[in-house]
Amino acid sequence: MARYNTEIHTGGGGWQQDTPLTLSIVNRGQVVGDGRPATGTTVTWSSDNAGNGSVTFFDDGTRFEGTARFPGEGPVGYRGQIAG
């Protein structure tokens, strides 16, 4: 499991702090070793409750970048940094 501090980017508002994201991917050991996705891993989601989005992980899973669209909102840039 890994926890990320996140930010969203709207058209004219710049980057703004968002709610932390806790990520848990359960699968084979080589996919998720220490709880952080490997560099280059892309996670995509779609849900009535959580919206939809796609992020790609970098720097041994310490950060991600992508886009998201949360329920009732327009699309935003979405990025996160592992919580220290």
Protein backbone atom coordinates (compact mmCIF):
# COMPACT_ATOMS: atom_id res chain seq x y z
CA MET A 1 0.00 0.00 0.00
CA ALA A 2 1.24 3.48 -0.81
CA ARG A 3 -0.12 6.89 0.15
CA TYR A 4 0.31 9.91 -2.11
CA ASN A 5 -0.19 13.61 -1.53
CA THR A 6 -2.10 14.78 -4.60
CA GLU A 7 -2.78 17.93 -6.58
CA ILE A 8 -5.25 18.78 -9.32
CA HIS A 9 -4.77 21.31 -12.10
CA THR A 10 -7.72 23.19 -13.52
CA GLY A 11 -7.57 25.36 -16.63
CA GLY A 12 -6.82 28.72 -15.02
CA GLY A 13 -6.38 27.84 -11.37
CA GLY A 14 -2.90 26.31 -11.36
CA TRP A 15 -2.04 23.32 -9.17
CA GLN A 16 -4.15 22.96 -6.02
CA GLN A 17 -3.81 20.52 -3.14
CA ASP A 18 -6.32 17.67 -3.24
CA THR A 19 -7.27 14.78 -0.98
CA PRO A 20 -4.49 12.19 -0.37
CA LEU A 21 -4.72 8.99 -2.40
CA THR A 22 -4.10 5.58 -0.85
CA LEU A 23 -3.29 2.99 -3.48
CA SER A 24 -3.41 -0.75 -2.93
CA ILE A 25 -2.82 -3.06 -5.87
CA VAL A 26 -2.93 -6.72 -5.01
CA ASN A 27 -1.52 -9.12 -7.56
CA ARG A 28 1.66 -11.07 -8.16
CA GLY A 29 4.80 -10.08 -6.29
CA GLN A 30 6.65 -8.90 -9.38
CA VAL A 31 3.87 -6.41 -10.16
CA VAL A 32 3.81 -4.75 -6.74
CA GLY A 33 6.85 -5.40 -4.58
CA ASP A 34 6.99 -2.86 -1.75
CA GLY A 35 3.55 -1.32 -2.24
CA ARG A 36 4.56 1.24 -4.86
CA PRO A 37 3.92 0.62 -8.56
CA ALA A 38 7.03 0.30 -10.71
CA THR A 39 8.13 3.11 -13.01
CA GLY A 40 6.02 3.05 -16.16
CA THR A 41 3.02 1.38 -14.53
CA THR A 42 -0.27 2.95 -15.66
CA VAL A 43 -3.38 2.69 -13.50
CA THR A 44 -6.77 3.47 -15.06
CA TRP A 45 -10.09 3.58 -13.21
CA SER A 46 -13.75 4.17 -13.97
CA SER A 47 -16.50 4.23 -11.38
CA ASP A 48 -19.79 6.02 -10.74
CA ASN A 49 -18.54 6.86 -7.24
CA ALA A 50 -14.88 7.66 -7.98
CA GLY A 51 -15.07 9.13 -11.48
CA ASN A 52 -12.46 8.09 -14.01
CA GLY A 53 -8.85 8.73 -14.79
CA SER A 54 -5.49 7.41 -15.78
CA VAL A 55 -2.10 7.98 -14.15
CA THR A 56 1.42 6.76 -14.89
CA PHE A 57 4.05 6.23 -12.18
CA PHE A 58 7.65 7.48 -12.29
CA ASP A 59 10.82 7.39 -10.16
CA ASP A 60 10.28 3.92 -8.68
CA GLY A 61 6.65 4.70 -7.91
CA THR A 62 7.38 7.79 -5.81
CA ARG A 63 5.27 10.04 -8.04
CA PHE A 64 2.55 9.90 -10.70
CA GLU A 65 1.07 12.15 -13.37
CA GLY A 66 -2.11 11.89 -15.38
CA THR A 67 -5.67 13.11 -15.68
CA ALA A 68 -8.89 12.55 -13.76
CA ARG A 69 -12.54 13.46 -13.86
CA PHE A 70 -14.29 13.27 -10.52
CA PRO A 71 -18.11 13.01 -10.19
CA GLY A 72 -19.81 16.31 -10.91
CA GLU A 73 -16.57 17.98 -12.07
CA GLY A 74 -14.75 18.58 -15.33
CA PRO A 75 -11.47 16.92 -16.31
CA VAL A 76 -8.31 17.98 -14.45
CA GLY A 77 -4.61 17.28 -14.46
CA TYR A 78 -3.81 14.96 -11.57
CA ARG A 79 -0.43 14.31 -9.96
CA GLY A 80 0.90 12.91 -6.74
CA GLN A 81 4.05 12.48 -4.67
CA ILE A 82 4.61 9.67 -2.18
CA ALA A 83 3.74 10.87 1.33
CA GLY A 84 6.79 11.03 3.57
